[in-house]
Amino acid sequence: TFPTSLNLKLDEENILVWQQQIIATTKGLHFLKFLDGNNVPSMLLTPANEAENIINPLFLQYEQQDQLIMA
């Protein structure tokens, strides 16, 4: 669950207020990187990592946090 309450359900009349609340929450919790996809770490650090089946620890951490947000 979010530590911040998101108690506003989106409808046609409150889209601007809803948008402000969502943007403030995602920025405040540093979740934007999970929504825009611009900061996803590489799964492999080097081509040799694929042969050795070594995954970038930063990618694993990102993937774990991403899944927790989705849950």
C-alpha atoms as a PDB file:
ATOM      1  CA  THR A   1       0.000   0.000   0.000  1.00  0.00           C
ATOM      2  CA  PHE A   2       1.013   3.582  -0.507  1.00  0.00           C
ATOM      3  CA  PRO A   3       2.025   5.603   2.542  1.00  0.00           C
ATOM      4  CA  THR A   4       0.001   8.426   0.967  1.00  0.00           C
ATOM      5  CA  SER A   5      -3.756   8.181   0.660  1.00  0.00           C
ATOM      6  CA  LEU A   6      -5.073   8.341  -2.903  1.00  0.00           C
ATOM      7  CA  ASN A   7      -8.732   8.791  -2.141  1.00  0.00           C
ATOM      8  CA  LEU A   8      -9.864  10.515  -5.330  1.00  0.00           C
ATOM      9  CA  LYS A   9     -11.468   8.330  -7.978  1.00  0.00           C
ATOM     10  CA  LEU A  10     -10.969   9.631 -11.506  1.00  0.00           C
ATOM     11  CA  ASP A  11     -14.022  10.901 -13.341  1.00  0.00           C
ATOM     12  CA  GLU A  12     -14.768  13.463 -16.070  1.00  0.00           C
ATOM     13  CA  GLU A  13     -15.124  16.354 -13.631  1.00  0.00           C
ATOM     14  CA  ASN A  14     -12.011  15.949 -11.474  1.00  0.00           C
ATOM     15  CA  ILE A  15      -9.290  15.002 -13.944  1.00  0.00           C
ATOM     16  CA  LEU A  16      -7.047  18.001 -13.133  1.00  0.00           C
ATOM     17  CA  VAL A  17      -7.195  17.474  -9.364  1.00  0.00           C
ATOM     18  CA  TRP A  18      -6.694  13.716  -9.824  1.00  0.00           C
ATOM     19  CA  GLN A  19      -3.723  14.322 -12.139  1.00  0.00           C
ATOM     20  CA  GLN A  20      -2.095  16.693  -9.633  1.00  0.00           C
ATOM     21  CA  GLN A  21      -2.521  14.139  -6.852  1.00  0.00           C
ATOM     22  CA  ILE A  22      -1.080  11.287  -8.934  1.00  0.00           C
ATOM     23  CA  ILE A  23       1.895  13.329 -10.173  1.00  0.00           C
ATOM     24  CA  ALA A  24       2.715  14.620  -6.681  1.00  0.00           C
ATOM     25  CA  THR A  25       2.511  11.114  -5.219  1.00  0.00           C
ATOM     26  CA  THR A  26       4.583   9.424  -7.920  1.00  0.00           C
ATOM     27  CA  LYS A  27       7.243  12.143  -7.771  1.00  0.00           C
ATOM     28  CA  GLY A  28       7.285  12.159  -3.977  1.00  0.00           C
ATOM     29  CA  LEU A  29       7.718   8.389  -3.796  1.00  0.00           C
ATOM     30  CA  HIS A  30      10.246   8.336  -6.682  1.00  0.00           C
ATOM     31  CA  PHE A  31       7.964   6.117  -8.774  1.00  0.00           C
ATOM     32  CA  LEU A  32       8.191   8.053 -12.050  1.00  0.00           C
ATOM     33  CA  LYS A  33      11.089   5.897 -13.246  1.00  0.00           C
ATOM     34  CA  PHE A  34       8.741   2.910 -13.121  1.00  0.00           C
ATOM     35  CA  LEU A  35       6.103   4.687 -15.186  1.00  0.00           C
ATOM     36  CA  ASP A  36       8.135   6.324 -17.948  1.00  0.00           C
ATOM     37  CA  GLY A  37      10.660   3.508 -18.519  1.00  0.00           C
ATOM     38  CA  ASN A  38      13.578   5.887 -19.096  1.00  0.00           C
ATOM     39  CA  ASN A  39      15.733   4.650 -16.211  1.00  0.00           C
ATOM     40  CA  VAL A  40      15.572   0.867 -16.476  1.00  0.00           C
ATOM     41  CA  PRO A  41      19.040  -0.568 -15.735  1.00  0.00           C
ATOM     42  CA  SER A  42      20.528  -2.940 -18.290  1.00  0.00           C
ATOM     43  CA  MET A  43      19.815  -6.572 -17.553  1.00  0.00           C
ATOM     44  CA  LEU A  44      23.422  -7.465 -18.405  1.00  0.00           C
ATOM     45  CA  LEU A  45      26.528  -5.395 -17.683  1.00  0.00           C
ATOM     46  CA  THR A  46      28.693  -7.030 -20.348  1.00  0.00           C
ATOM     47  CA  PRO A  47      28.146  -9.471 -23.225  1.00  0.00           C
ATOM     48  CA  ALA A  48      30.063 -12.074 -21.209  1.00  0.00           C
ATOM     49  CA  ASN A  49      27.405 -11.858 -18.481  1.00  0.00           C
ATOM     50  CA  GLU A  50      24.879 -13.523 -20.772  1.00  0.00           C
ATOM     51  CA  ALA A  51      27.078 -16.573 -21.291  1.00  0.00           C
ATOM     52  CA  GLU A  52      27.769 -16.759 -17.560  1.00  0.00           C
ATOM     53  CA  ASN A  53      24.109 -16.069 -16.695  1.00  0.00           C
ATOM     54  CA  ILE A  54      25.032 -13.077 -14.512  1.00  0.00           C
ATOM     55  CA  ILE A  55      22.266 -10.501 -14.098  1.00  0.00           C
ATOM     56  CA  ASN A  56      22.980  -6.875 -13.185  1.00  0.00           C
ATOM     57  CA  PRO A  57      22.096  -6.441  -9.463  1.00  0.00           C
ATOM     58  CA  LEU A  58      20.614  -2.995 -10.204  1.00  0.00           C
ATOM     59  CA  PHE A  59      18.281  -4.589 -12.754  1.00  0.00           C
ATOM     60  CA  LEU A  60      17.168  -7.185 -10.203  1.00  0.00           C
ATOM     61  CA  GLN A  61      16.489  -4.459  -7.637  1.00  0.00           C
ATOM     62  CA  TYR A  62      14.550  -2.394 -10.198  1.00  0.00           C
ATOM     63  CA  GLU A  63      12.501  -5.423 -11.242  1.00  0.00           C
ATOM     64  CA  GLN A  64      11.683  -6.277  -7.614  1.00  0.00           C
ATOM     65  CA  GLN A  65      10.554  -2.724  -6.824  1.00  0.00           C
ATOM     66  CA  ASP A  66       8.528  -2.610 -10.036  1.00  0.00           C
ATOM     67  CA  GLN A  67       6.673  -5.787  -9.099  1.00  0.00           C
ATOM     68  CA  LEU A  68       5.994  -4.545  -5.562  1.00  0.00           C
ATOM     69  CA  ILE A  69       4.438  -1.386  -6.990  1.00  0.00           C
ATOM     70  CA  MET A  70       2.274  -3.471  -9.310  1.00  0.00           C
ATOM     71  CA  ALA A  71       1.092  -5.599  -6.390  1.00  0.00           C
END
